[in-house]
Each structure stands twice: as structure tokens, then as C-alpha cells.
Amino acid sequence: MNKRVAIVGAGVSGLTCAVVLAERGYRATIFAEETGARTTSAAAAAIWYPYDAEPADKVIAWALESYEVFRELSRELRSGVSMIQLRTLSRAGEIEIPSWANSLGARPLVMSSEDASPARTETSLIVNPIAFTSGFVLEVPLIDSTIYLDYLAQRCAEAGGQISGKVRFAKLEDVDRQFSLVINCSGMGARSLVPDPGMEAHRGQVVIVPKLNLTCAIVSDDPPLMYAIPRTNDCVFGGTNELSDNRAPDPSATSRIIAECSRVLNIDEPKVIAARVGLRPFRKSGIRVESDLLADRRPVIHNYGHGGAGFTVSWGCAAKVLAYAEVATNDA
């Protein structure tokens, strides 16, 4: 079997698969309607965290595998990956530290109104002390999508891979027959391409504000969902998680996000640089990473349904895709 592989989708999943396959000798070509800054991945806050994806056991395994790759990438300046302290907070009750977080060295936060004291401990709270009741802290990869997606595209090209944009398929069988293997990383597109009626669009809106003097990332899953993620050149405020296909920014959501993040951080409301919306590709029955056959009998490897954990599980899922690809090419 020849090793010409078509990858459908140019988000973080498609790009990561392209890098993994191209660097192992496959002739990988990405086909996508939207590339670069127009992808859902480009709108993501992109901090490593298992969020809004199922099933938990597989998600955690793929996430921890990806964690190790991202930690190595954080040593490569051009990647846009760094390690940052993440503070996960709860507005009510005592937060339970997940076992996966314990395995990465998570520690409870000290919730104290004396946080402003120069003598505060490493794990004391650095936000408005009346906003939360408990939390924990751990070090995680932060992926600056404004840098990282271009980095993956460059690595793909350096390994001989190609990216072809403005390409829309009605079905996966429409991929040219010169490609003997198809990798389906189409995200929400899988709803019609497969087709998979179990796909749900979980709408996430973020607001980009100027760079802040924020040395850690702040996340709270309690309603209203809130996060503040510092990046190289700006800061990402969020967010929303709604069942909707609407990709237009909502001005009222922008105002709510800015107000809540500013309240939590105890700062004046910053200038809005941009508001962006991405549709998290959530799959009701869980992330799908498996081998199958198209109607024309060509092998296809599905890799979609990552919800809000696309970056977080990207390298773990790509490794599984590679394993399937090796079987498909060796058996042909």
C-alpha cells in the first residue's frame, strides 16, 4: 500500500496527525475548508485541561500522554508552548482535586483575605478573595494558538506534508482515490461527513484583551464559566459553553465575560481587542478514535469529537491514529 494519506481538517487534531504521520514517512496532505486563524482551534484559549469531553478514562490517558509532549515542546521557543501555573477555583463548597491532577503534583490553594501580604505562600490566592471558596493549583502546558498552529504547519511542511485550503467535501469518499488512507479530523464537520448525528456544537466565546500582569491562569467551571489565560502578546478572557451553532460573537456575552473576569481579577475593565467564537466539537458517545472502512473500501481513521479538550488530547490521539495507520498500511 502506498503511504499517501489525506487528512480532513486543519485544526489542532488534523495538524498534529499530519506532523506525526509526515515525520514517520507518510506523504500527508491536509484538506480543509478553513485553515489557520479561521479554524475553531484558533479561537481556543488552549490551556492544557481535560474539559467537556468523554469518556473520562480515555480522555485522561490521552491528556497525560499529550502533557509529556507539550512539556518537551515548552523547551522549544518557536513552539509557542510554555508551562504555567493553573489555579482551578470553586465559588461554593470545597473543590475536590481530581486524581489525574494529584498525579501532576496539584496542591490545595490557601483561600485568604490576606492575600495581598508580601508573605503570602506559593499556593495562596491571588484574585479577589471574596469570589471563591476553594481551589487547587498545578503546573500545566499553555499553548498560544496564535503561535502554535503555525508551528505545527511549519513542522508539517518541513517533513514534506502539505496543506490545501478552501476544500469542502460532501462525504469522505470524495477524497481523491490517489490517497489510499483517509484520516478524519473534521471536528463538527463529522456531523455531515460521516455522518454522525451524535455531534453537538458547544459554543464557546472568548474575549481578547491586552496583555495583563498575570503570572498564572485562572479557571472556574462553576456558573458562570470564567477563565483568564495570559498569552505572549495578549490575554484571553472567557467564556461560554452553550449548545449552539452560532459563530457570531454576542455583544452581551462579551460584556458579561469582561465584567466577571475583571471582578475576579480585581482590575478595571480592560479594552476589548476582539471577541471570537469557536464551536467545541462534542460527541455524545465520546471521542472517536478508531479505524473503519469507507463505502469505497478504503481505510479511514476517525479522530474527532474532542469537545473542549482538542489541544489537551491532541498528541495522545495522534499516537493512536499512527498505530491504526501502521496496521492499515501493513495489512494492505
C-alpha atoms as a PDB file:
ATOM      1  CA  MET A   1       0.000   0.000   0.000  1.00  0.00           C
ATOM      2  CA  ASN A   2       1.300   3.469  -0.820  1.00  0.00           C
ATOM      3  CA  LYS A   3       1.657   5.916   2.041  1.00  0.00           C
ATOM      4  CA  ARG A   4      -0.312   8.800   0.535  1.00  0.00           C
ATOM      5  CA  VAL A   5      -2.564   9.947   3.337  1.00  0.00           C
ATOM      6  CA  ALA A   6      -5.342  12.539   3.185  1.00  0.00           C
ATOM      7  CA  ILE A   7      -6.175  14.289   6.433  1.00  0.00           C
ATOM      8  CA  VAL A   8      -9.547  16.028   6.502  1.00  0.00           C
ATOM      9  CA  GLY A   9      -9.468  19.019   8.853  1.00  0.00           C
ATOM     10  CA  ALA A  10      -6.806  21.637   9.631  1.00  0.00           C
ATOM     11  CA  GLY A  11      -7.476  22.260  13.308  1.00  0.00           C
ATOM     12  CA  VAL A  12      -5.103  21.143  16.037  1.00  0.00           C
ATOM     13  CA  SER A  13      -6.117  17.472  15.616  1.00  0.00           C
ATOM     14  CA  GLY A  14      -5.521  17.438  11.858  1.00  0.00           C
ATOM     15  CA  LEU A  15      -2.258  19.361  12.107  1.00  0.00           C
ATOM     16  CA  THR A  16      -0.917  17.142  14.895  1.00  0.00           C
ATOM     17  CA  CYS A  17      -1.792  13.981  12.973  1.00  0.00           C
ATOM     18  CA  ALA A  18      -0.135  15.422   9.870  1.00  0.00           C
ATOM     19  CA  VAL A  19       3.069  16.121  11.797  1.00  0.00           C
ATOM     20  CA  VAL A  20       3.145  12.668  13.398  1.00  0.00           C
ATOM     21  CA  LEU A  21       2.479  10.886  10.100  1.00  0.00           C
ATOM     22  CA  ALA A  22       4.721  13.042   7.888  1.00  0.00           C
ATOM     23  CA  GLU A  23       7.637  12.721  10.298  1.00  0.00           C
ATOM     24  CA  ARG A  24       7.293   8.956  10.012  1.00  0.00           C
ATOM     25  CA  GLY A  25       7.465   8.829   6.252  1.00  0.00           C
ATOM     26  CA  TYR A  26       3.834   9.214   5.213  1.00  0.00           C
ATOM     27  CA  ARG A  27       3.014  11.580   2.344  1.00  0.00           C
ATOM     28  CA  ALA A  28       0.452  13.569   4.270  1.00  0.00           C
ATOM     29  CA  THR A  29      -1.834  16.185   2.763  1.00  0.00           C
ATOM     30  CA  ILE A  30      -4.368  18.164   4.790  1.00  0.00           C
ATOM     31  CA  PHE A  31      -7.619  19.166   3.104  1.00  0.00           C
ATOM     32  CA  ALA A  32      -9.831  21.714   4.819  1.00  0.00           C
ATOM     33  CA  GLU A  33     -12.341  24.403   4.096  1.00  0.00           C
ATOM     34  CA  GLU A  34     -10.881  26.609   6.829  1.00  0.00           C
ATOM     35  CA  THR A  35      -7.208  26.827   7.803  1.00  0.00           C
ATOM     36  CA  GLY A  36      -5.053  28.860  10.153  1.00  0.00           C
ATOM     37  CA  ALA A  37      -6.823  31.648  12.046  1.00  0.00           C
ATOM     38  CA  ARG A  38     -10.244  30.620  10.683  1.00  0.00           C
ATOM     39  CA  THR A  39     -10.303  27.240  12.441  1.00  0.00           C
ATOM     40  CA  THR A  40     -12.084  26.510  15.710  1.00  0.00           C
ATOM     41  CA  SER A  41      -8.686  25.730  17.227  1.00  0.00           C
ATOM     42  CA  ALA A  42      -7.533  29.291  16.588  1.00  0.00           C
ATOM     43  CA  ALA A  43     -10.308  30.610  18.847  1.00  0.00           C
ATOM     44  CA  ALA A  44      -9.401  28.328  21.745  1.00  0.00           C
ATOM     45  CA  ALA A  45      -7.800  29.540  24.970  1.00  0.00           C
ATOM     46  CA  ALA A  46      -5.714  26.376  24.562  1.00  0.00           C
ATOM     47  CA  ILE A  47      -4.580  25.670  28.077  1.00  0.00           C
ATOM     48  CA  TRP A  48      -4.000  22.005  28.882  1.00  0.00           C
ATOM     49  CA  TYR A  49      -7.032  20.803  30.810  1.00  0.00           C
ATOM     50  CA  PRO A  50      -9.386  17.806  30.330  1.00  0.00           C
ATOM     51  CA  TYR A  51     -12.659  19.667  29.722  1.00  0.00           C
ATOM     52  CA  ASP A  52     -16.019  18.913  28.114  1.00  0.00           C
ATOM     53  CA  ALA A  53     -15.050  15.561  26.580  1.00  0.00           C
ATOM     54  CA  GLU A  54     -15.872  11.904  27.183  1.00  0.00           C
ATOM     55  CA  PRO A  55     -15.188   9.127  28.116  1.00  0.00           C
ATOM     56  CA  ALA A  56     -13.167  10.213  31.133  1.00  0.00           C
ATOM     57  CA  ASP A  57     -10.784   7.239  31.250  1.00  0.00           C
ATOM     58  CA  LYS A  58      -9.650   7.597  27.639  1.00  0.00           C
ATOM     59  CA  VAL A  59      -9.580  11.395  27.812  1.00  0.00           C
ATOM     60  CA  ILE A  60      -7.301  11.366  30.857  1.00  0.00           C
ATOM     61  CA  ALA A  61      -4.955   8.786  29.314  1.00  0.00           C
ATOM     62  CA  TRP A  62      -4.632  10.754  26.062  1.00  0.00           C
ATOM     63  CA  ALA A  63      -4.319  14.015  28.008  1.00  0.00           C
ATOM     64  CA  LEU A  64      -1.473  12.749  30.180  1.00  0.00           C
ATOM     65  CA  GLU A  65       0.341  11.423  27.103  1.00  0.00           C
ATOM     66  CA  SER A  66      -0.050  14.823  25.456  1.00  0.00           C
ATOM     67  CA  TYR A  67       1.092  16.566  28.645  1.00  0.00           C
ATOM     68  CA  GLU A  68       4.524  14.968  28.343  1.00  0.00           C
ATOM     69  CA  VAL A  69       4.868  16.036  24.700  1.00  0.00           C
ATOM     70  CA  PHE A  70       3.830  19.600  25.491  1.00  0.00           C
ATOM     71  CA  ARG A  71       6.277  19.736  28.385  1.00  0.00           C
ATOM     72  CA  GLU A  72       9.058  18.851  25.950  1.00  0.00           C
ATOM     73  CA  LEU A  73       7.770  21.409  23.433  1.00  0.00           C
ATOM     74  CA  SER A  74       7.880  24.110  26.112  1.00  0.00           C
ATOM     75  CA  ARG A  75      11.677  23.905  25.810  1.00  0.00           C
ATOM     76  CA  GLU A  76      11.404  24.865  22.126  1.00  0.00           C
ATOM     77  CA  LEU A  77      10.970  28.637  21.912  1.00  0.00           C
ATOM     78  CA  ARG A  78       9.334  28.702  18.474  1.00  0.00           C
ATOM     79  CA  SER A  79       6.534  26.330  19.500  1.00  0.00           C
ATOM     80  CA  GLY A  80       4.517  28.852  21.485  1.00  0.00           C
ATOM     81  CA  VAL A  81       4.173  26.321  24.320  1.00  0.00           C
ATOM     82  CA  SER A  82       5.097  27.245  27.893  1.00  0.00           C
ATOM     83  CA  MET A  83       4.439  25.856  31.346  1.00  0.00           C
ATOM     84  CA  ILE A  84       2.196  27.944  33.568  1.00  0.00           C
ATOM     85  CA  GLN A  85       0.615  27.709  36.982  1.00  0.00           C
ATOM     86  CA  LEU A  86      -3.103  26.949  36.652  1.00  0.00           C
ATOM     87  CA  ARG A  87      -5.436  27.837  39.505  1.00  0.00           C
ATOM     88  CA  THR A  88      -8.760  25.993  39.351  1.00  0.00           C
ATOM     89  CA  LEU A  89     -11.341  27.618  41.618  1.00  0.00           C
ATOM     90  CA  SER A  90     -14.799  26.967  43.041  1.00  0.00           C
ATOM     91  CA  ARG A  91     -17.352  29.599  44.045  1.00  0.00           C
ATOM     92  CA  ALA A  92     -19.137  27.325  46.509  1.00  0.00           C
ATOM     93  CA  GLY A  93     -18.046  24.434  48.699  1.00  0.00           C
ATOM     94  CA  GLU A  94     -14.798  22.531  48.847  1.00  0.00           C
ATOM     95  CA  ILE A  95     -13.311  21.605  45.491  1.00  0.00           C
ATOM     96  CA  GLU A  96     -12.131  18.017  45.037  1.00  0.00           C
ATOM     97  CA  ILE A  97      -8.729  17.617  43.421  1.00  0.00           C
ATOM     98  CA  PRO A  98      -9.042  15.011  40.619  1.00  0.00           C
ATOM     99  CA  SER A  99      -6.724  12.008  40.798  1.00  0.00           C
ATOM    100  CA  TRP A 100      -5.107  12.970  37.479  1.00  0.00           C
ATOM    101  CA  ALA A 101      -4.274  16.390  38.942  1.00  0.00           C
ATOM    102  CA  ASN A 102      -2.779  14.778  42.038  1.00  0.00           C
ATOM    103  CA  SER A 103      -0.529  12.734  39.763  1.00  0.00           C
ATOM    104  CA  LEU A 104       0.836  16.012  38.363  1.00  0.00           C
ATOM    105  CA  GLY A 105       1.549  17.499  41.771  1.00  0.00           C
ATOM    106  CA  ALA A 106      -1.639  19.511  42.401  1.00  0.00           C
ATOM    107  CA  ARG A 107      -1.858  21.326  45.738  1.00  0.00           C
ATOM    108  CA  PRO A 108      -4.807  22.941  47.531  1.00  0.00           C
ATOM    109  CA  LEU A 109      -4.980  26.717  47.433  1.00  0.00           C
ATOM    110  CA  VAL A 110      -4.899  28.756  50.611  1.00  0.00           C
ATOM    111  CA  MET A 111      -8.004  30.935  50.478  1.00  0.00           C
ATOM    112  CA  SER A 112      -7.145  34.023  52.492  1.00  0.00           C
ATOM    113  CA  SER A 113      -8.286  37.632  52.502  1.00  0.00           C
ATOM    114  CA  GLU A 114      -4.719  38.494  53.476  1.00  0.00           C
ATOM    115  CA  ASP A 115      -3.604  37.506  50.000  1.00  0.00           C
ATOM    116  CA  ALA A 116      -2.115  40.942  49.373  1.00  0.00           C
ATOM    117  CA  SER A 117       0.510  40.335  52.039  1.00  0.00           C
ATOM    118  CA  PRO A 118       4.069  40.045  50.680  1.00  0.00           C
ATOM    119  CA  ALA A 119       4.460  36.997  52.897  1.00  0.00           C
ATOM    120  CA  ARG A 120       1.716  35.018  51.131  1.00  0.00           C
ATOM    121  CA  THR A 121       2.571  31.403  50.387  1.00  0.00           C
ATOM    122  CA  GLU A 122       3.136  29.974  46.899  1.00  0.00           C
ATOM    123  CA  THR A 123      -0.353  28.476  46.894  1.00  0.00           C
ATOM    124  CA  SER A 124      -2.278  31.435  48.286  1.00  0.00           C
ATOM    125  CA  LEU A 125      -4.992  33.015  46.182  1.00  0.00           C
ATOM    126  CA  ILE A 126      -4.066  35.993  44.011  1.00  0.00           C
ATOM    127  CA  VAL A 127      -7.570  37.015  42.953  1.00  0.00           C
ATOM    128  CA  ASN A 128     -10.490  38.731  44.664  1.00  0.00           C
ATOM    129  CA  PRO A 129     -10.673  36.781  47.963  1.00  0.00           C
ATOM    130  CA  ILE A 130     -14.466  37.015  48.172  1.00  0.00           C
ATOM    131  CA  ALA A 131     -15.006  35.474  44.723  1.00  0.00           C
ATOM    132  CA  PHE A 132     -14.176  31.847  45.573  1.00  0.00           C
ATOM    133  CA  THR A 133     -14.271  29.415  48.476  1.00  0.00           C
ATOM    134  CA  SER A 134     -11.690  26.787  47.453  1.00  0.00           C
ATOM    135  CA  GLY A 135      -9.302  25.755  44.724  1.00  0.00           C
ATOM    136  CA  PHE A 136      -6.176  23.909  43.709  1.00  0.00           C
ATOM    137  CA  VAL A 137      -3.042  24.723  41.767  1.00  0.00           C
ATOM    138  CA  LEU A 138      -0.829  22.759  39.378  1.00  0.00           C
ATOM    139  CA  GLU A 139       1.585  23.429  36.539  1.00  0.00           C
ATOM    140  CA  VAL A 140       0.211  22.764  33.054  1.00  0.00           C
ATOM    141  CA  PRO A 141       1.152  23.491  29.432  1.00  0.00           C
ATOM    142  CA  LEU A 142      -0.169  26.720  27.941  1.00  0.00           C
ATOM    143  CA  ILE A 143      -0.425  26.625  24.158  1.00  0.00           C
ATOM    144  CA  ASP A 144      -0.509  30.023  22.467  1.00  0.00           C
ATOM    145  CA  SER A 145      -2.638  29.170  19.439  1.00  0.00           C
ATOM    146  CA  THR A 146      -1.516  32.342  17.626  1.00  0.00           C
ATOM    147  CA  ILE A 147       1.961  30.778  17.505  1.00  0.00           C
ATOM    148  CA  TYR A 148       1.444  27.041  17.921  1.00  0.00           C
ATOM    149  CA  LEU A 149      -0.810  26.331  14.935  1.00  0.00           C
ATOM    150  CA  ASP A 150       1.720  27.994  12.622  1.00  0.00           C
ATOM    151  CA  TYR A 151       4.462  25.983  14.320  1.00  0.00           C
ATOM    152  CA  LEU A 152       2.632  22.725  13.569  1.00  0.00           C
ATOM    153  CA  ALA A 153       2.027  23.794   9.969  1.00  0.00           C
ATOM    154  CA  GLN A 154       5.740  24.569   9.583  1.00  0.00           C
ATOM    155  CA  ARG A 155       6.744  21.213  11.060  1.00  0.00           C
ATOM    156  CA  CYS A 156       4.331  19.502   8.700  1.00  0.00           C
ATOM    157  CA  ALA A 157       5.872  21.292   5.715  1.00  0.00           C
ATOM    158  CA  GLU A 158       9.416  20.549   6.869  1.00  0.00           C
ATOM    159  CA  ALA A 159       8.512  16.844   6.925  1.00  0.00           C
ATOM    160  CA  GLY A 160       7.102  17.002   3.386  1.00  0.00           C
ATOM    161  CA  GLY A 161       3.442  17.429   4.286  1.00  0.00           C
ATOM    162  CA  GLN A 162       1.084  19.798   2.509  1.00  0.00           C
ATOM    163  CA  ILE A 163      -1.981  21.848   3.418  1.00  0.00           C
ATOM    164  CA  SER A 164      -4.722  22.516   0.878  1.00  0.00           C
ATOM    165  CA  GLY A 165      -7.322  25.059   1.997  1.00  0.00           C
ATOM    166  CA  LYS A 166     -10.757  26.099   0.730  1.00  0.00           C
ATOM    167  CA  VAL A 167     -11.633  22.451   0.063  1.00  0.00           C
ATOM    168  CA  ARG A 168     -15.087  21.217   1.005  1.00  0.00           C
ATOM    169  CA  PHE A 169     -16.163  17.579   0.808  1.00  0.00           C
ATOM    170  CA  ALA A 170     -19.779  16.411   0.845  1.00  0.00           C
ATOM    171  CA  LYS A 171     -18.647  12.996   2.092  1.00  0.00           C
ATOM    172  CA  LEU A 172     -15.324  11.364   2.961  1.00  0.00           C
ATOM    173  CA  GLU A 173     -15.469   9.215  -0.179  1.00  0.00           C
ATOM    174  CA  ASP A 174     -14.981  12.443  -2.178  1.00  0.00           C
ATOM    175  CA  VAL A 175     -11.290  12.430  -1.190  1.00  0.00           C
ATOM    176  CA  ASP A 176      -9.249  11.655  -4.327  1.00  0.00           C
ATOM    177  CA  ARG A 177      -8.612   7.927  -4.807  1.00  0.00           C
ATOM    178  CA  GLN A 178      -4.876   8.581  -5.120  1.00  0.00           C
ATOM    179  CA  PHE A 179      -4.947   8.723  -1.304  1.00  0.00           C
ATOM    180  CA  SER A 180      -5.078   5.170  -0.021  1.00  0.00           C
ATOM    181  CA  LEU A 181      -5.781   6.191   3.580  1.00  0.00           C
ATOM    182  CA  VAL A 182      -8.074   8.907   4.940  1.00  0.00           C
ATOM    183  CA  ILE A 183      -7.766  10.456   8.414  1.00  0.00           C
ATOM    184  CA  ASN A 184     -10.970  12.137   9.536  1.00  0.00           C
ATOM    185  CA  CYS A 185     -10.172  15.089  11.804  1.00  0.00           C
ATOM    186  CA  SER A 186     -13.129  17.155  10.670  1.00  0.00           C
ATOM    187  CA  GLY A 187     -14.458  18.222  14.075  1.00  0.00           C
ATOM    188  CA  MET A 188     -18.019  19.469  13.757  1.00  0.00           C
ATOM    189  CA  GLY A 189     -17.823  18.614  10.057  1.00  0.00           C
ATOM    190  CA  ALA A 190     -18.113  14.948  11.022  1.00  0.00           C
ATOM    191  CA  ARG A 191     -21.801  15.525  11.686  1.00  0.00           C
ATOM    192  CA  SER A 192     -22.431  15.570   7.935  1.00  0.00           C
ATOM    193  CA  LEU A 193     -19.279  13.931   6.527  1.00  0.00           C
ATOM    194  CA  VAL A 194     -19.553  10.595   8.346  1.00  0.00           C
ATOM    195  CA  PRO A 195     -22.461  11.312   9.007  1.00  0.00           C
ATOM    196  CA  ASP A 196     -22.541  11.338  12.825  1.00  0.00           C
ATOM    197  CA  PRO A 197     -25.773  12.713  14.346  1.00  0.00           C
ATOM    198  CA  GLY A 198     -24.222  12.422  17.807  1.00  0.00           C
ATOM    199  CA  MET A 199     -22.102  15.515  17.248  1.00  0.00           C
ATOM    200  CA  GLU A 200     -23.054  18.622  19.234  1.00  0.00           C
ATOM    201  CA  ALA A 201     -21.708  22.143  18.824  1.00  0.00           C
ATOM    202  CA  HIS A 202     -20.781  23.526  22.240  1.00  0.00           C
ATOM    203  CA  ARG A 203     -20.403  27.222  21.534  1.00  0.00           C
ATOM    204  CA  GLY A 204     -17.504  28.928  23.274  1.00  0.00           C
ATOM    205  CA  GLN A 205     -16.987  32.686  23.167  1.00  0.00           C
ATOM    206  CA  VAL A 206     -13.794  34.361  24.325  1.00  0.00           C
ATOM    207  CA  VAL A 207     -12.661  37.959  24.521  1.00  0.00           C
ATOM    208  CA  ILE A 208      -9.117  39.026  23.680  1.00  0.00           C
ATOM    209  CA  VAL A 209      -7.772  41.856  25.839  1.00  0.00           C
ATOM    210  CA  PRO A 210      -4.334  43.497  26.101  1.00  0.00           C
ATOM    211  CA  LYS A 211      -1.553  41.685  27.917  1.00  0.00           C
ATOM    212  CA  LEU A 212      -2.015  41.826  31.690  1.00  0.00           C
ATOM    213  CA  ASN A 213       0.382  41.478  34.593  1.00  0.00           C
ATOM    214  CA  LEU A 214      -0.988  37.994  35.250  1.00  0.00           C
ATOM    215  CA  THR A 215       1.531  35.277  36.063  1.00  0.00           C
ATOM    216  CA  CYS A 216      -0.894  32.355  36.277  1.00  0.00           C
ATOM    217  CA  ALA A 217      -4.044  31.099  34.581  1.00  0.00           C
ATOM    218  CA  ILE A 218      -7.372  31.289  36.424  1.00  0.00           C
ATOM    219  CA  VAL A 219     -10.249  28.884  35.685  1.00  0.00           C
ATOM    220  CA  SER A 220     -13.611  28.280  37.336  1.00  0.00           C
ATOM    221  CA  ASP A 221     -16.112  25.774  35.915  1.00  0.00           C
ATOM    222  CA  ASP A 222     -18.852  26.987  38.274  1.00  0.00           C
ATOM    223  CA  PRO A 223     -21.590  29.012  36.581  1.00  0.00           C
ATOM    224  CA  PRO A 224     -20.814  31.427  35.136  1.00  0.00           C
ATOM    225  CA  LEU A 225     -17.870  29.721  33.407  1.00  0.00           C
ATOM    226  CA  MET A 226     -14.854  32.004  33.852  1.00  0.00           C
ATOM    227  CA  TYR A 227     -11.227  31.868  32.805  1.00  0.00           C
ATOM    228  CA  ALA A 228      -8.352  34.286  32.311  1.00  0.00           C
ATOM    229  CA  ILE A 229      -5.425  32.947  30.292  1.00  0.00           C
ATOM    230  CA  PRO A 230      -2.320  35.102  29.800  1.00  0.00           C
ATOM    231  CA  ARG A 231      -0.557  34.665  26.452  1.00  0.00           C
ATOM    232  CA  THR A 232       2.594  36.013  24.833  1.00  0.00           C
ATOM    233  CA  ASN A 233       1.042  39.158  23.393  1.00  0.00           C
ATOM    234  CA  ASP A 234      -2.435  39.351  24.943  1.00  0.00           C
ATOM    235  CA  CYS A 235      -4.812  37.720  27.403  1.00  0.00           C
ATOM    236  CA  VAL A 236      -7.860  35.525  26.786  1.00  0.00           C
ATOM    237  CA  PHE A 237     -10.982  36.059  28.895  1.00  0.00           C
ATOM    238  CA  GLY A 238     -13.798  33.539  28.827  1.00  0.00           C
ATOM    239  CA  GLY A 239     -16.200  32.170  28.492  1.00  0.00           C
ATOM    240  CA  THR A 240     -19.346  30.366  27.467  1.00  0.00           C
ATOM    241  CA  ASN A 241     -20.422  26.776  26.847  1.00  0.00           C
ATOM    242  CA  GLU A 242     -23.754  26.736  25.063  1.00  0.00           C
ATOM    243  CA  LEU A 243     -25.490  24.293  22.751  1.00  0.00           C
ATOM    244  CA  SER A 244     -25.467  26.395  19.578  1.00  0.00           C
ATOM    245  CA  ASP A 245     -24.086  26.539  16.033  1.00  0.00           C
ATOM    246  CA  ASN A 246     -23.962  30.349  16.037  1.00  0.00           C
ATOM    247  CA  ARG A 247     -20.403  31.543  15.346  1.00  0.00           C
ATOM    248  CA  ALA A 248     -21.197  35.247  15.602  1.00  0.00           C
ATOM    249  CA  PRO A 249     -19.878  36.956  18.772  1.00  0.00           C
ATOM    250  CA  ASP A 250     -22.626  38.058  21.144  1.00  0.00           C
ATOM    251  CA  PRO A 251     -22.043  41.614  22.481  1.00  0.00           C
ATOM    252  CA  SER A 252     -23.948  40.841  25.682  1.00  0.00           C
ATOM    253  CA  ALA A 253     -21.741  37.792  26.292  1.00  0.00           C
ATOM    254  CA  THR A 254     -18.672  39.943  25.691  1.00  0.00           C
ATOM    255  CA  SER A 255     -19.867  42.383  28.365  1.00  0.00           C
ATOM    256  CA  ARG A 256     -20.596  39.567  30.842  1.00  0.00           C
ATOM    257  CA  ILE A 257     -17.197  37.959  30.284  1.00  0.00           C
ATOM    258  CA  ILE A 258     -15.311  41.224  30.691  1.00  0.00           C
ATOM    259  CA  ALA A 259     -17.267  42.146  33.826  1.00  0.00           C
ATOM    260  CA  GLU A 260     -16.832  38.778  35.548  1.00  0.00           C
ATOM    261  CA  CYS A 261     -13.125  38.388  34.741  1.00  0.00           C
ATOM    262  CA  SER A 262     -12.428  41.956  35.862  1.00  0.00           C
ATOM    263  CA  ARG A 263     -14.329  41.367  39.109  1.00  0.00           C
ATOM    264  CA  VAL A 264     -12.392  38.189  39.817  1.00  0.00           C
ATOM    265  CA  LEU A 265      -9.027  39.761  38.999  1.00  0.00           C
ATOM    266  CA  ASN A 266      -9.826  42.982  40.884  1.00  0.00           C
ATOM    267  CA  ILE A 267      -8.982  45.170  37.891  1.00  0.00           C
ATOM    268  CA  ASP A 268     -10.655  47.889  35.850  1.00  0.00           C
ATOM    269  CA  GLU A 269     -12.354  46.524  32.766  1.00  0.00           C
ATOM    270  CA  PRO A 270      -9.704  46.339  30.008  1.00  0.00           C
ATOM    271  CA  LYS A 271     -10.076  47.344  26.377  1.00  0.00           C
ATOM    272  CA  VAL A 272     -11.595  44.688  24.105  1.00  0.00           C
ATOM    273  CA  ILE A 273      -9.282  43.778  21.227  1.00  0.00           C
ATOM    274  CA  ALA A 274     -11.571  41.149  19.736  1.00  0.00           C
ATOM    275  CA  ALA A 275     -14.376  38.710  20.543  1.00  0.00           C
ATOM    276  CA  ARG A 276     -14.144  35.258  18.992  1.00  0.00           C
ATOM    277  CA  VAL A 277     -16.360  32.190  18.875  1.00  0.00           C
ATOM    278  CA  GLY A 278     -15.423  28.549  18.405  1.00  0.00           C
ATOM    279  CA  LEU A 279     -17.699  25.529  18.292  1.00  0.00           C
ATOM    280  CA  ARG A 280     -16.357  22.782  20.546  1.00  0.00           C
ATOM    281  CA  PRO A 281     -16.966  19.509  18.658  1.00  0.00           C
ATOM    282  CA  PHE A 282     -18.568  17.437  21.402  1.00  0.00           C
ATOM    283  CA  ARG A 283     -19.642  13.860  20.684  1.00  0.00           C
ATOM    284  CA  LYS A 284     -22.361  12.433  22.916  1.00  0.00           C
ATOM    285  CA  SER A 285     -20.910   8.915  22.910  1.00  0.00           C
ATOM    286  CA  GLY A 286     -17.342  10.126  23.445  1.00  0.00           C
ATOM    287  CA  ILE A 287     -14.265  10.963  21.409  1.00  0.00           C
ATOM    288  CA  ARG A 288     -13.993   8.708  18.371  1.00  0.00           C
ATOM    289  CA  VAL A 289     -10.518   7.413  17.553  1.00  0.00           C
ATOM    290  CA  GLU A 290     -10.928   4.207  15.577  1.00  0.00           C
ATOM    291  CA  SER A 291     -10.338   2.556  12.236  1.00  0.00           C
ATOM    292  CA  ASP A 292     -13.145   1.895   9.772  1.00  0.00           C
ATOM    293  CA  LEU A 293     -13.785   1.441   6.049  1.00  0.00           C
ATOM    294  CA  LEU A 294     -15.278   3.960   3.656  1.00  0.00           C
ATOM    295  CA  ALA A 295     -18.008   2.920   1.229  1.00  0.00           C
ATOM    296  CA  ASP A 296     -15.299   2.530  -1.445  1.00  0.00           C
ATOM    297  CA  ARG A 297     -13.426   0.117   0.893  1.00  0.00           C
ATOM    298  CA  ARG A 298     -10.537   2.461   1.612  1.00  0.00           C
ATOM    299  CA  PRO A 299      -9.469   2.519   5.261  1.00  0.00           C
ATOM    300  CA  VAL A 300     -10.407   5.603   7.247  1.00  0.00           C
ATOM    301  CA  ILE A 301      -9.223   6.517  10.731  1.00  0.00           C
ATOM    302  CA  HIS A 302     -11.610   8.727  12.655  1.00  0.00           C
ATOM    303  CA  ASN A 303     -10.244  11.253  15.146  1.00  0.00           C
ATOM    304  CA  TYR A 304     -12.983  13.659  16.180  1.00  0.00           C
ATOM    305  CA  GLY A 305     -15.408  14.596  18.926  1.00  0.00           C
ATOM    306  CA  HIS A 306     -12.804  16.145  21.256  1.00  0.00           C
ATOM    307  CA  GLY A 307     -15.169  18.751  22.731  1.00  0.00           C
ATOM    308  CA  GLY A 308     -13.229  21.288  24.784  1.00  0.00           C
ATOM    309  CA  ALA A 309     -10.123  19.090  25.037  1.00  0.00           C
ATOM    310  CA  GLY A 310      -8.787  19.214  21.460  1.00  0.00           C
ATOM    311  CA  PHE A 311      -5.371  20.604  22.336  1.00  0.00           C
ATOM    312  CA  THR A 312      -5.258  18.665  25.608  1.00  0.00           C
ATOM    313  CA  VAL A 313      -5.570  15.219  23.984  1.00  0.00           C
ATOM    314  CA  SER A 314      -4.042  16.048  20.583  1.00  0.00           C
ATOM    315  CA  TRP A 315      -0.742  14.155  20.834  1.00  0.00           C
ATOM    316  CA  GLY A 316      -2.235  11.147  22.599  1.00  0.00           C
ATOM    317  CA  CYS A 317      -4.928  10.804  19.938  1.00  0.00           C
ATOM    318  CA  ALA A 318      -2.394  11.317  17.126  1.00  0.00           C
ATOM    319  CA  ALA A 319      -0.270   8.480  18.526  1.00  0.00           C
ATOM    320  CA  LYS A 320      -3.335   6.223  18.402  1.00  0.00           C
ATOM    321  CA  VAL A 321      -4.027   7.341  14.822  1.00  0.00           C
ATOM    322  CA  LEU A 322      -0.444   6.451  13.872  1.00  0.00           C
ATOM    323  CA  ALA A 323      -0.866   2.976  15.371  1.00  0.00           C
ATOM    324  CA  TYR A 324      -4.000   2.427  13.287  1.00  0.00           C
ATOM    325  CA  ALA A 325      -2.260   3.798  10.192  1.00  0.00           C
ATOM    326  CA  GLU A 326       0.637   1.358  10.600  1.00  0.00           C
ATOM    327  CA  VAL A 327      -1.821  -1.539  10.738  1.00  0.00           C
ATOM    328  CA  ALA A 328      -3.730  -0.260   7.699  1.00  0.00           C
ATOM    329  CA  THR A 329      -0.606   0.201   5.565  1.00  0.00           C
ATOM    330  CA  ASN A 330       0.974  -3.092   6.639  1.00  0.00           C
ATOM    331  CA  ASP A 331      -2.199  -5.101   6.013  1.00  0.00           C
ATOM    332  CA  ALA A 332      -2.820  -3.700   2.545  1.00  0.00           C
END
